[in-house]
Each structure stands twice: as structure tokens, then as C-alpha cells.
């Protein structure tokens, strides 16, 4: 180690920043004493709140809904691809309409004369 004492540039920068903050705080304190708390708001806030960008927000909502729909659809397709196929249950006998009456065909029943 050497005994050379060189000025640290970080200390100078820290000192300069602290001086700037101190002077800014003094100015704000003087403004507060003269005009009160309302002086700290910007001129834009005095005219009212910011308006929402409705077109942007609507587009965000629409794109989010579209994305969610596509995710649900892809999940549904993925599930149906991996789900084992169920055996079909026996179907009910077909119905035939004849003269505004419904007749049920039952192949297991045999008619005798």
C-alpha cells in the first residue's frame, strides 16, 4: 500500500450532489412558507386529472381477451388429444315420423301375426 492520498472523485461527486439537494430543499421550503402546499403540484394537475387513453385501454382489453380465448382453445384441443376415447353407449332406437305420429323402431322386438 502506498501512502499517497489522492482525492477520491466519488467523494467530490457525493458532496456536489448533496449540495444540490440541500439548495433544492431550501427553495422548496421557502416556496412552501410563501404559497403553501398547493405550490408543489405541477401546472398540469391544477387543470384537472389526466384523461385516460380509452382507445389504448380498449385495445389492451381486446387483445387480452383474444389471447385468453386462444389459450383456452389450445388447452381444449390438447386435452381432447390426450383424453382416452370413451366407448359409445348404446343408442336409443331411431324414430320415424309417419302421418304426424312418432313410431319407434325397436329391432329387438319381433312382431308375430
Protein backbone atom coordinates (compact mmCIF):
# COMPACT_ATOMS: atom_id res chain seq x y z
CA UNK A 1 0.00 0.00 0.00
CA UNK A 2 1.20 3.43 -0.70
CA UNK A 3 0.71 6.44 1.48
CA UNK A 4 -0.34 8.59 -1.46
CA UNK A 5 -3.52 10.45 -0.61
CA UNK A 6 -5.28 11.22 -3.87
CA UNK A 7 -8.64 12.94 -3.81
CA UNK A 8 -11.45 10.44 -4.33
CA UNK A 9 -13.63 11.57 -7.27
CA UNK A 10 -16.65 9.78 -5.75
CA UNK A 11 -16.44 11.91 -2.61
CA UNK A 12 -16.42 15.09 -4.69
CA UNK A 13 -19.42 13.87 -6.66
CA UNK A 14 -21.26 12.92 -3.46
CA UNK A 15 -20.55 16.34 -1.99
CA UNK A 16 -21.77 18.10 -5.13
CA UNK A 17 -24.99 16.05 -5.20
CA UNK A 18 -25.67 16.69 -1.52
CA UNK A 19 -25.19 20.43 -2.07
CA UNK A 20 -27.67 20.40 -4.97
CA UNK A 21 -30.23 18.52 -2.89
CA UNK A 22 -29.73 20.92 0.00
CA UNK A 23 -30.25 24.04 -2.15
CA UNK A 24 -33.32 22.50 -3.81
CA UNK A 25 -34.80 21.66 -0.40
CA UNK A 26 -34.21 25.24 0.78
CA UNK A 27 -36.01 26.62 -2.29
CA UNK A 28 -38.96 24.29 -1.75
CA UNK A 29 -39.15 25.25 1.93
CA UNK A 30 -39.23 28.96 1.03
CA UNK A 31 -41.96 28.34 -1.57
CA UNK A 32 -43.97 26.38 0.97
CA UNK A 33 -43.72 29.19 3.50
CA UNK A 34 -44.90 31.75 0.92
CA UNK A 35 -47.55 29.89 -1.06
CA UNK A 36 -48.49 26.80 0.93
CA UNK A 37 -48.76 23.16 -0.02
CA UNK A 38 -50.55 23.72 -3.36
CA UNK A 39 -47.37 25.14 -4.86
CA UNK A 40 -45.80 21.68 -5.06
CA UNK A 41 -48.30 20.47 -7.66
CA UNK A 42 -47.42 20.95 -11.31
CA UNK A 43 -49.45 23.21 -13.57
CA UNK A 44 -51.00 20.17 -15.29
CA UNK A 45 -52.53 18.94 -12.05
CA UNK A 46 -54.22 22.30 -11.46
CA UNK A 47 -56.27 21.89 -14.64
CA UNK A 48 -57.63 18.52 -13.55
CA UNK A 49 -56.71 14.88 -13.59
CA UNK A 50 -55.18 13.19 -16.61
CA UNK A 51 -57.62 11.71 -19.10
CA UNK A 52 -57.36 8.01 -19.71
CA UNK A 53 -56.33 6.89 -23.17
CA UNK A 54 -59.52 4.92 -23.85
CA UNK A 55 -58.51 3.62 -27.26
CA UNK A 56 -55.30 2.18 -25.87
CA UNK A 57 -57.10 0.60 -22.91
CA UNK A 58 -59.79 -0.91 -25.16
CA UNK A 59 -57.13 -2.38 -27.43
CA UNK A 60 -55.30 -3.86 -24.45
CA UNK A 61 -58.52 -5.46 -23.19
CA UNK A 62 -59.46 -6.82 -26.63
CA UNK A 63 -56.03 -8.29 -27.25
CA UNK A 64 -56.01 -9.84 -23.77
CA UNK A 65 -59.42 -11.43 -24.33
CA UNK A 66 -58.33 -12.73 -27.72
CA UNK A 67 -55.16 -14.19 -26.25
CA UNK A 68 -57.10 -15.83 -23.42
CA UNK A 69 -59.59 -17.33 -25.91
CA UNK A 70 -56.75 -18.81 -27.94
CA UNK A 71 -55.18 -20.27 -24.78
CA UNK A 72 -58.48 -21.88 -23.77
CA UNK A 73 -58.93 -23.27 -27.28
CA UNK A 74 -55.42 -24.70 -27.39
CA UNK A 75 -55.89 -26.24 -23.92
CA UNK A 76 -59.16 -27.79 -25.05
CA UNK A 77 -57.53 -29.28 -28.15
CA UNK A 78 -54.59 -30.53 -26.10
CA UNK A 79 -56.92 -32.17 -23.57
CA UNK A 80 -59.02 -33.84 -26.24
CA UNK A 81 -55.89 -35.18 -27.91
CA UNK A 82 -54.67 -36.85 -24.71
CA UNK A 83 -58.01 -37.93 -23.29
CA UNK A 84 -58.82 -41.60 -23.89
CA UNK A 85 -61.75 -42.13 -26.17
CA UNK A 86 -64.88 -43.20 -24.37
CA UNK A 87 -66.83 -46.18 -25.56
CA UNK A 88 -70.06 -45.11 -27.08
CA UNK A 89 -73.16 -46.03 -25.17
CA UNK A 90 -75.92 -47.92 -26.96
CA UNK A 91 -78.03 -45.56 -28.93
CA UNK A 92 -81.74 -45.33 -28.50
CA UNK A 93 -83.75 -46.80 -31.34
CA UNK A 94 -84.33 -44.45 -34.27
CA UNK A 95 -87.63 -42.67 -34.51
CA UNK A 96 -89.64 -42.48 -37.70
CA UNK A 97 -92.31 -39.90 -38.33
CA UNK A 98 -95.36 -41.27 -40.04
CA UNK A 99 -98.59 -39.33 -40.53
CA UNK A 100 -97.73 -36.90 -37.74
CA UNK A 101 -97.25 -39.79 -35.31
CA UNK A 102 -93.92 -40.85 -33.99
CA UNK A 103 -93.16 -44.54 -34.29
CA UNK A 104 -90.21 -46.07 -32.53
CA UNK A 105 -88.43 -48.86 -34.34
CA UNK A 106 -87.22 -51.47 -31.94
CA UNK A 107 -85.06 -54.10 -33.65
CA UNK A 108 -85.05 -56.38 -30.63
CA UNK A 109 -88.83 -56.79 -30.69
CA UNK A 110 -90.24 -59.28 -33.13
CA UNK A 111 -93.75 -58.96 -34.30
CA UNK A 112 -95.87 -62.01 -34.69
CA UNK A 113 -99.10 -62.33 -36.59
